[in-house]
Amino acid sequence: MKKVKLILLIDDDHEDQIIFKHVLSKITKDIECACVSNGKTGIETARAMKVLPDVIF
């Protein structure tokens, strides 16, 4: 079983978030992507996650 990677995307442009997730889904299904719209929410989201993201953009 492959380990699912987790990405936290911080981007204030909702359309960019959608495009990023769409492209990611075309590349692989083994990556989950959580999206937030600003840095403060990004920090709060990362702290609340049971598992820290592998990558933050």
C-alpha atoms as a PDB file:
ATOM      1  CA  MET A   1       0.000   0.000   0.000  1.00  0.00           C
ATOM      2  CA  LYS A   2       1.387   3.380  -0.980  1.00  0.00           C
ATOM      3  CA  LYS A   3       1.536   6.159   1.551  1.00  0.00           C
ATOM      4  CA  VAL A   4      -0.671   9.068   0.571  1.00  0.00           C
ATOM      5  CA  LYS A   5       1.249  12.314   0.503  1.00  0.00           C
ATOM      6  CA  LEU A   6      -0.390  15.441   1.880  1.00  0.00           C
ATOM      7  CA  ILE A   7       0.008  18.934   0.438  1.00  0.00           C
ATOM      8  CA  LEU A   8      -1.213  22.122   2.055  1.00  0.00           C
ATOM      9  CA  LEU A   9      -1.780  24.798  -0.587  1.00  0.00           C
ATOM     10  CA  ILE A  10      -2.024  28.394   0.627  1.00  0.00           C
ATOM     11  CA  ASP A  11      -3.345  30.591  -2.167  1.00  0.00           C
ATOM     12  CA  ASP A  12      -5.787  33.490  -2.056  1.00  0.00           C
ATOM     13  CA  ASP A  13      -7.024  32.817  -5.609  1.00  0.00           C
ATOM     14  CA  HIS A  14      -9.745  30.174  -5.547  1.00  0.00           C
ATOM     15  CA  GLU A  15      -9.387  29.479  -9.276  1.00  0.00           C
ATOM     16  CA  ASP A  16      -5.673  28.764  -8.817  1.00  0.00           C
ATOM     17  CA  GLN A  17      -6.560  26.307  -6.053  1.00  0.00           C
ATOM     18  CA  ILE A  18      -8.967  24.502  -8.382  1.00  0.00           C
ATOM     19  CA  ILE A  19      -6.408  24.364 -11.202  1.00  0.00           C
ATOM     20  CA  PHE A  20      -3.686  23.096  -8.839  1.00  0.00           C
ATOM     21  CA  LYS A  21      -5.930  20.318  -7.522  1.00  0.00           C
ATOM     22  CA  HIS A  22      -7.066  19.382 -11.025  1.00  0.00           C
ATOM     23  CA  VAL A  23      -3.517  19.103 -12.363  1.00  0.00           C
ATOM     24  CA  LEU A  24      -2.441  17.168  -9.287  1.00  0.00           C
ATOM     25  CA  SER A  25      -5.285  14.683  -9.771  1.00  0.00           C
ATOM     26  CA  LYS A  26      -4.146  14.095 -13.364  1.00  0.00           C
ATOM     27  CA  ILE A  27      -0.598  13.330 -12.216  1.00  0.00           C
ATOM     28  CA  THR A  28      -1.365  10.946  -9.351  1.00  0.00           C
ATOM     29  CA  LYS A  29      -4.109   9.795  -7.024  1.00  0.00           C
ATOM     30  CA  ASP A  30      -1.622   9.261  -4.173  1.00  0.00           C
ATOM     31  CA  ILE A  31      -1.594  12.904  -3.076  1.00  0.00           C
ATOM     32  CA  GLU A  32      -4.215  14.690  -1.004  1.00  0.00           C
ATOM     33  CA  CYS A  33      -4.378  18.470  -1.202  1.00  0.00           C
ATOM     34  CA  ALA A  34      -5.872  20.753   1.428  1.00  0.00           C
ATOM     35  CA  CYS A  35      -6.386  24.369   0.338  1.00  0.00           C
ATOM     36  CA  VAL A  36      -6.668  27.540   2.401  1.00  0.00           C
ATOM     37  CA  SER A  37      -6.770  31.161   1.350  1.00  0.00           C
ATOM     38  CA  ASN A  38      -4.253  32.868   3.656  1.00  0.00           C
ATOM     39  CA  GLY A  39      -1.210  32.259   5.821  1.00  0.00           C
ATOM     40  CA  LYS A  40      -2.982  32.586   9.160  1.00  0.00           C
ATOM     41  CA  THR A  41      -5.541  29.983   8.185  1.00  0.00           C
ATOM     42  CA  GLY A  42      -2.728  27.846   6.786  1.00  0.00           C
ATOM     43  CA  ILE A  43      -0.941  27.813  10.141  1.00  0.00           C
ATOM     44  CA  GLU A  44      -4.169  27.069  12.010  1.00  0.00           C
ATOM     45  CA  THR A  45      -5.019  24.261   9.579  1.00  0.00           C
ATOM     46  CA  ALA A  46      -1.540  22.711   9.819  1.00  0.00           C
ATOM     47  CA  ARG A  47      -1.701  22.786  13.621  1.00  0.00           C
ATOM     48  CA  ALA A  48      -5.127  21.126  13.604  1.00  0.00           C
ATOM     49  CA  MET A  49      -4.088  18.313  11.250  1.00  0.00           C
ATOM     50  CA  LYS A  50      -3.422  14.905  12.795  1.00  0.00           C
ATOM     51  CA  VAL A  51      -0.553  14.460  10.340  1.00  0.00           C
ATOM     52  CA  LEU A  52       1.547  17.417   9.206  1.00  0.00           C
ATOM     53  CA  PRO A  53       1.615  18.064   5.456  1.00  0.00           C
ATOM     54  CA  ASP A  54       4.573  16.694   3.504  1.00  0.00           C
ATOM     55  CA  VAL A  55       4.747  19.924   1.493  1.00  0.00           C
ATOM     56  CA  ILE A  56       3.336  23.420   1.947  1.00  0.00           C
ATOM     57  CA  PHE A  57       2.970  25.691  -1.080  1.00  0.00           C
END
